[in-house]
Protein backbone atom coordinates (compact mmCIF):
# COMPACT_ATOMS: atom_id res chain seq x y z
CA MET A 1 0.84 -78.19 33.38
CA ILE A 2 3.32 -75.55 34.36
CA LYS A 3 2.45 -71.97 33.46
CA ASN A 4 5.32 -69.61 32.97
CA ALA A 5 4.71 -66.55 34.98
CA VAL A 6 4.87 -63.37 32.90
CA LYS A 7 6.82 -60.78 34.72
CA GLU A 8 5.28 -57.32 34.78
CA PRO A 9 7.68 -54.82 33.17
CA ASP A 10 9.25 -52.41 35.47
CA ARG A 11 7.73 -48.97 34.74
CA ALA A 12 9.60 -47.16 37.45
CA PRO A 13 12.54 -46.10 35.21
CA LEU A 14 10.12 -44.92 32.47
CA MET A 15 8.10 -42.85 34.99
CA ALA A 16 11.27 -41.40 36.40
CA ARG A 17 12.36 -40.24 32.99
CA ARG A 18 9.14 -38.24 32.35
CA PRO A 19 9.70 -34.62 32.90
CA LYS A 20 7.40 -33.09 35.48
CA TRP A 21 5.55 -30.00 34.33
CA ARG A 22 6.35 -26.94 36.30
CA PHE A 23 5.18 -23.36 35.86
CA SER A 24 8.01 -21.18 34.51
CA TRP A 25 7.80 -17.45 34.55
CA ASP A 26 10.49 -17.33 31.82
CA LYS A 27 8.19 -19.20 29.42
CA ALA A 28 4.91 -17.61 30.59
CA SER A 29 6.00 -13.98 30.75
CA PRO A 30 6.11 -13.41 26.92
CA VAL A 31 2.62 -14.85 26.57
CA LEU A 32 1.29 -12.72 29.46
CA VAL A 33 2.87 -9.59 27.88
CA LEU A 34 1.26 -10.32 24.51
CA ILE A 35 -2.27 -11.04 25.85
CA PRO A 36 -3.32 -7.35 26.27
CA SER A 37 -2.08 -6.53 22.71
CA LEU A 38 -3.86 -9.57 21.25
CA ILE A 39 -7.09 -8.59 23.03
CA ALA A 40 -6.79 -4.99 21.76
CA LEU A 41 -6.02 -6.22 18.28
CA GLY A 42 -9.00 -8.54 18.28
CA ILE A 43 -11.39 -5.86 19.49
CA PHE A 44 -10.19 -2.69 17.70
CA VAL A 45 -9.08 -4.21 14.44
CA TYR A 46 -10.80 -7.51 13.63
CA GLY A 47 -13.79 -6.70 15.74
CA PHE A 48 -14.37 -3.43 13.98
CA ILE A 49 -13.82 -4.98 10.56
CA PHE A 50 -16.54 -7.47 11.33
CA TRP A 51 -18.76 -4.66 12.66
CA ASN A 52 -18.20 -2.59 9.55
CA GLY A 53 -19.13 -5.55 7.31
CA TYR A 54 -22.22 -6.15 9.34
CA ILE A 55 -23.34 -2.49 9.09
CA SER A 56 -22.88 -2.54 5.26
CA LEU A 57 -25.59 -5.20 5.16
CA THR A 58 -28.15 -3.14 7.13
CA ASN A 59 -30.50 -0.25 6.35
CA TRP A 60 -28.70 2.26 8.62
CA ASN A 61 -28.66 5.21 6.18
CA SER A 62 -29.87 8.01 8.51
CA TYR A 63 -29.10 9.43 11.90
CA ILE A 64 -31.40 6.88 13.48
CA PRO A 65 -29.70 3.43 13.65
CA ASN A 66 -31.56 0.74 11.64
CA PHE A 67 -30.05 -2.71 11.91
CA SER A 68 -32.60 -4.45 9.72
CA PHE A 69 -31.03 -6.71 7.11
CA ALA A 70 -30.66 -5.17 3.63
CA GLY A 71 -28.51 -7.71 1.87
CA LEU A 72 -26.29 -6.35 -0.91
CA LYS A 73 -28.58 -3.37 -1.56
CA ASN A 74 -25.99 -0.81 -0.35
CA TYR A 75 -23.29 -2.29 -2.57
CA ALA A 76 -25.56 -2.06 -5.62
CA ALA A 77 -26.45 1.49 -4.74
CA VAL A 78 -22.85 2.44 -4.36
CA PHE A 79 -21.76 0.96 -7.76
CA GLU A 80 -24.65 2.60 -9.54
CA THR A 81 -23.54 6.19 -8.58
CA PHE A 82 -21.56 8.40 -10.89
CA ARG A 83 -19.14 9.33 -8.10
CA PHE A 84 -18.12 5.78 -7.22
CA GLN A 85 -17.65 4.79 -10.82
CA ALA A 86 -15.33 7.84 -11.18
CA ASP A 87 -13.60 6.71 -7.97
CA ILE A 88 -12.87 3.30 -9.48
CA ARG A 89 -11.36 4.96 -12.57
CA ASN A 90 -9.34 7.36 -10.50
CA ILE A 91 -7.95 4.75 -8.04
CA ILE A 92 -6.81 2.55 -11.01
CA VAL A 93 -5.13 5.43 -12.78
CA PHE A 94 -3.59 6.88 -9.61
CA THR A 95 -2.26 3.47 -8.45
CA ALA A 96 -0.72 2.78 -11.85
CA LEU A 97 0.95 6.24 -12.06
CA PHE A 98 1.98 6.09 -8.39
CA ILE A 99 3.58 2.66 -8.53
CA LEU A 100 5.36 3.19 -11.88
CA GLY A 101 6.68 6.57 -10.73
CA CYS A 102 7.90 5.31 -7.35
CA LEU A 103 9.55 2.24 -8.76
CA SER A 104 11.27 4.03 -11.62
CA LEU A 105 12.51 6.94 -9.58
CA GLY A 106 13.37 4.77 -6.57
CA LEU A 107 15.39 2.33 -8.72
CA PHE A 108 17.21 5.26 -10.41
CA LEU A 109 18.15 6.76 -7.08
CA ALA A 110 19.15 3.39 -5.62
CA VAL A 111 21.51 2.72 -8.57
CA LEU A 112 23.06 6.16 -8.18
CA ILE A 113 23.69 5.68 -4.45
CA ASP A 114 25.06 2.17 -5.00
CA GLN A 115 27.94 3.62 -6.99
CA LYS A 116 29.82 4.26 -3.74
CA ILE A 117 29.43 8.02 -4.03
CA ARG A 118 30.79 10.45 -1.49
CA PHE A 119 28.40 11.56 1.23
CA GLU A 120 26.22 8.55 0.57
CA SER A 121 24.45 8.72 3.96
CA PHE A 122 23.64 12.42 3.45
CA PHE A 123 22.00 11.79 -0.01
CA ARG A 124 20.19 8.69 1.31
CA SER A 125 18.72 10.74 4.18
CA ILE A 126 17.72 13.55 1.79
CA PHE A 127 15.80 11.17 -0.50
CA ILE A 128 14.03 9.41 2.39
CA PHE A 129 13.21 12.62 4.24
CA PRO A 130 9.86 13.28 2.44
CA MET A 131 8.48 10.07 4.04
CA ALA A 132 8.71 11.84 7.41
CA ILE A 133 6.25 14.53 6.22
CA SER A 134 2.54 13.82 6.63
CA PHE A 135 0.41 13.44 3.49
CA VAL A 136 -1.63 16.54 4.53
CA ALA A 137 1.55 18.71 4.66
CA THR A 138 2.64 17.22 1.29
CA GLY A 139 -0.78 18.14 -0.24
CA VAL A 140 -0.49 21.76 0.99
CA ILE A 141 3.10 22.14 -0.19
CA TRP A 142 2.35 20.76 -3.70
CA SER A 143 -0.84 22.74 -4.01
CA TRP A 144 1.48 25.82 -3.78
CA VAL A 145 4.06 24.38 -6.17
CA LEU A 146 1.47 23.40 -8.75
CA ASN A 147 -0.66 26.50 -8.32
CA PRO A 148 -2.94 26.80 -11.33
CA GLN A 149 -2.45 30.56 -11.51
CA PRO A 150 -0.23 31.60 -14.47
CA ASN A 151 2.04 33.73 -12.30
CA ALA A 152 2.54 31.39 -9.37
CA GLY A 153 4.46 28.25 -8.50
CA ILE A 154 5.93 26.21 -11.34
CA ASN A 155 3.80 27.96 -13.88
CA LEU A 156 5.86 31.11 -13.32
CA ILE A 157 8.97 29.15 -14.48
CA LEU A 158 7.10 27.76 -17.46
CA ARG A 159 5.98 31.24 -18.53
CA ALA A 160 9.57 32.41 -18.27
CA LEU A 161 10.55 29.55 -20.55
CA GLY A 162 8.03 30.69 -23.19
CA ASP A 163 4.90 28.71 -22.32
CA SER A 164 2.10 31.19 -22.73
CA HIS A 165 -0.61 28.74 -21.66
CA PRO A 166 0.74 26.79 -18.63
CA PRO A 167 -1.31 23.84 -17.39
CA THR A 168 -4.01 24.27 -14.74
CA TRP A 169 -2.65 21.20 -12.91
CA PHE A 170 -5.09 19.77 -10.40
CA LEU A 171 -7.97 22.00 -11.60
CA SER A 172 -7.91 20.54 -15.16
CA PRO A 173 -11.22 18.77 -16.16
CA ILE A 174 -9.60 17.12 -19.19
CA ILE A 175 -9.67 13.28 -19.39
CA ILE A 176 -7.47 11.55 -22.03
CA PRO A 177 -8.56 9.69 -24.14
CA SER A 178 -12.15 10.19 -22.72
CA ILE A 179 -13.93 6.99 -23.68
CA GLY A 180 -17.52 6.70 -22.50
CA LEU A 181 -18.22 3.72 -20.20
CA GLY A 182 -21.34 3.58 -18.00
CA LEU A 183 -21.89 6.94 -16.39
CA ILE A 184 -18.31 8.17 -16.70
CA LYS A 185 -15.53 8.80 -19.19
CA VAL A 186 -12.60 6.35 -18.95
CA GLY A 187 -9.10 7.76 -19.40
CA ILE A 188 -6.41 9.56 -17.49
CA PRO A 189 -7.64 12.68 -15.71
CA LEU A 190 -4.88 15.29 -16.08
CA ALA A 191 -5.77 16.68 -12.66
CA LEU A 192 -4.94 13.26 -11.13
CA VAL A 193 -1.46 13.41 -12.68
CA ALA A 194 -0.65 16.38 -10.43
CA VAL A 195 -1.74 14.36 -7.38
CA ALA A 196 0.38 11.43 -8.53
CA ILE A 197 3.47 13.70 -8.84
CA ALA A 198 3.08 14.81 -5.24
CA ALA A 199 2.58 11.21 -4.02
CA VAL A 200 5.61 9.94 -6.00
CA TRP A 201 7.78 12.75 -4.51
CA GLN A 202 6.88 11.56 -1.03
CA MET A 203 7.10 7.77 -1.41
CA SER A 204 9.87 7.28 -3.96
CA GLY A 205 12.42 7.30 -1.09
CA PHE A 206 10.72 4.20 0.26
CA ALA A 207 11.17 2.41 -3.03
CA MET A 208 14.83 3.61 -3.19
CA ALA A 209 15.51 2.01 0.27
CA ILE A 210 13.92 -1.28 -0.82
CA TYR A 211 15.94 -1.40 -4.04
CA LEU A 212 19.12 -0.25 -2.35
CA ALA A 213 18.88 -3.17 0.09
CA GLY A 214 18.26 -5.52 -2.87
CA LEU A 215 21.32 -4.16 -4.77
CA ARG A 216 23.54 -4.60 -1.73
CA ALA A 217 22.37 -8.21 -1.48
CA VAL A 218 23.49 -9.19 -4.95
CA PRO A 219 26.76 -11.22 -4.60
CA ASP A 220 29.86 -9.67 -6.03
CA GLU A 221 30.87 -13.09 -7.49
CA ILE A 222 27.92 -12.92 -9.90
CA LYS A 223 28.83 -9.45 -11.11
CA GLU A 224 32.47 -10.39 -11.53
CA ALA A 225 31.56 -13.52 -13.51
CA ALA A 226 29.36 -11.43 -15.83
CA ARG A 227 32.13 -8.95 -16.39
CA ILE A 228 34.58 -11.78 -17.19
CA ASP A 229 32.11 -13.02 -19.79
CA GLY A 230 32.22 -9.64 -21.48
CA ALA A 231 29.00 -8.10 -20.24
CA GLY A 232 28.91 -4.28 -20.35
CA ALA A 233 27.41 -2.01 -17.78
CA TRP A 234 23.89 -2.08 -19.23
CA ARG A 235 23.95 -5.78 -20.00
CA LEU A 236 25.23 -6.45 -16.55
CA PHE A 237 22.42 -4.52 -14.92
CA TRP A 238 19.44 -5.70 -16.99
CA SER A 239 20.53 -9.33 -17.38
CA VAL A 240 22.23 -10.03 -14.05
CA ILE A 241 21.42 -7.47 -11.40
CA TYR A 242 17.78 -6.52 -12.17
CA PRO A 243 16.45 -10.12 -12.12
CA GLN A 244 17.89 -10.42 -8.61
CA LEU A 245 15.61 -7.56 -7.54
CA LYS A 246 12.36 -9.46 -8.19
CA SER A 247 11.58 -9.90 -4.48
CA SER A 248 12.34 -6.23 -3.80
CA THR A 249 10.06 -5.19 -6.57
CA VAL A 250 7.19 -7.38 -5.31
CA THR A 251 7.57 -6.12 -1.81
CA ALA A 252 7.56 -2.46 -2.99
CA VAL A 253 4.51 -3.01 -5.25
CA ILE A 254 2.45 -4.61 -2.44
CA ILE A 255 3.15 -1.86 0.04
CA LEU A 256 2.80 0.93 -2.41
CA THR A 257 -0.52 -0.51 -3.64
CA ALA A 258 -1.86 -0.59 -0.13
CA ALA A 259 -0.70 3.00 0.38
CA SER A 260 -2.43 4.14 -2.85
CA LEU A 261 -5.75 2.45 -2.05
CA LYS A 262 -6.04 4.15 1.30
CA VAL A 263 -4.78 7.60 0.23
CA PHE A 264 -6.87 10.32 1.86
CA GLY A 265 -4.98 13.22 3.45
CA LEU A 266 -2.97 14.09 0.32
CA VAL A 267 -6.05 14.38 -1.93
CA TYR A 268 -8.19 16.04 0.78
CA ALA A 269 -5.63 18.78 1.41
CA MET A 270 -4.51 19.23 -2.20
CA THR A 271 -7.62 19.06 -4.40
CA GLY A 272 -10.67 17.52 -2.76
CA PRO A 273 -13.01 15.63 -5.06
CA GLY A 274 -12.26 17.98 -7.95
CA GLN A 275 -14.38 19.05 -10.81
CA ASP A 276 -16.66 16.21 -11.96
CA PHE A 277 -14.83 14.03 -9.36
CA THR A 278 -11.64 13.94 -11.49
CA THR A 279 -9.49 13.71 -8.36
CA ASP A 280 -11.96 11.95 -6.09
CA MET A 281 -10.96 8.73 -4.28
CA PRO A 282 -13.01 6.01 -2.61
CA THR A 283 -11.70 7.15 0.78
CA LEU A 284 -13.02 10.65 0.30
CA ASN A 285 -16.31 9.22 -0.99
CA MET A 286 -16.54 7.09 2.13
CA PHE A 287 -15.82 10.05 4.43
CA ASP A 288 -18.44 12.28 2.73
CA THR A 289 -21.00 9.48 2.51
CA THR A 290 -20.65 8.43 6.15
CA PHE A 291 -19.96 11.60 8.12
CA GLN A 292 -21.51 14.31 5.92
CA GLY A 293 -24.34 12.43 4.26
CA SER A 294 -25.14 10.20 7.26
CA GLN A 295 -25.37 7.21 4.89
CA PHE A 296 -23.69 4.87 7.32
CA ALA A 297 -24.44 1.59 5.61
CA GLU A 298 -23.36 2.82 2.18
CA GLY A 299 -20.14 4.32 3.73
CA ALA A 300 -19.49 0.94 5.36
CA ALA A 301 -20.03 -0.75 2.03
CA ILE A 302 -17.35 1.48 0.43
CA ALA A 303 -14.98 0.71 3.32
CA THR A 304 -15.58 -3.01 2.86
CA ILE A 305 -14.82 -2.79 -0.87
CA LEU A 306 -11.57 -1.02 -0.08
CA PHE A 307 -10.67 -3.66 2.48
CA LEU A 308 -11.31 -6.46 0.04
CA LEU A 309 -9.18 -4.71 -2.60
CA MET A 310 -6.27 -4.38 -0.17
CA ALA A 311 -6.71 -8.01 0.91
CA ALA A 312 -6.61 -9.11 -2.74
CA PHE A 313 -3.10 -7.63 -3.04
CA SER A 314 -1.78 -8.36 0.45
CA VAL A 315 -2.97 -11.92 1.07
CA PRO A 316 -1.19 -13.56 -1.86
CA TYR A 317 2.04 -11.83 -0.88
CA LEU A 318 1.82 -12.96 2.69
CA LEU A 319 1.07 -16.55 1.63
CA SER A 320 4.10 -16.52 -0.66
CA VAL A 321 6.24 -15.28 2.23
CA LEU A 322 4.97 -18.07 4.49
CA ARG A 323 5.64 -20.66 1.79
CA GLY A 324 9.20 -19.41 1.37
CA GLU A 325 9.81 -19.57 5.12
CA ASN A 326 8.40 -23.18 5.22
CA ARG A 327 10.74 -24.17 2.38
CA GLU A 328 13.76 -22.70 4.16
CA GLU A 329 12.79 -24.56 7.42
CA ASN A 330 12.29 -27.84 5.56
CA SER A 331 15.54 -27.52 3.72
């Protein structure tokens, strides 16, 4: 019986085709440059976030550190206080006024600049300039402009126009419509409106820049087709152009919401907590609780709540951006 010999396949050509791994400085240098930044980011951002969350679950509410486990006791204590309940009301009202004001004024300015006006770059710089000013400086400036004295600031102009009782602006204790809920009255504190005016003045230029970029990205073919179909100026804007600005609006809302949740310097310099905490913010509460009251665990609990609120707005936006990038790569 003759057995056919099976010839062993020649692996030499296959082995020769395999690329040999070699160390390359061109590929390794970007990684080596990023390593220190990644280490610093891990320690000073994510490490401190973890540490803050851990402290919020301890009994460290005095000068002497106490790392014994307290569970959610600090969170319950924070939510039961009159000040933090007022802070929740204030941050909701301020965020709503701030975002609506910035989006409305920013869109209006963007539409005006998009009309190919003369000295466009000059006006664009003027509207964006307030963003270069710190929130503390903005608070000081607007505390002068909205001086509650009848013969100072904008009240002097109002008295000249015939208003015998000008508003007290950021000193007003009035809350409209003043509905009792828990320990506080729910409504719009008039003192907070003054703070929102100052914040809108500073950040509306950012919304203008976002909307202006969106307007310039709308194809001229779409506009021309709408005009051929008989659409007027208002119909063209609201039915054709404005729907194209959805992504710009979402981006502006996410960033402005994050800015409103962490507002501190503006309120601290302009009003402070205010009468009956009508202009207080969670950031001011956290600062006073932690560094003046030495309630470190409760202050960490307030900081953790703020972090979760910002994550609730930011994470869905980031996920949607990643999904959009994946769709573009797959297509």
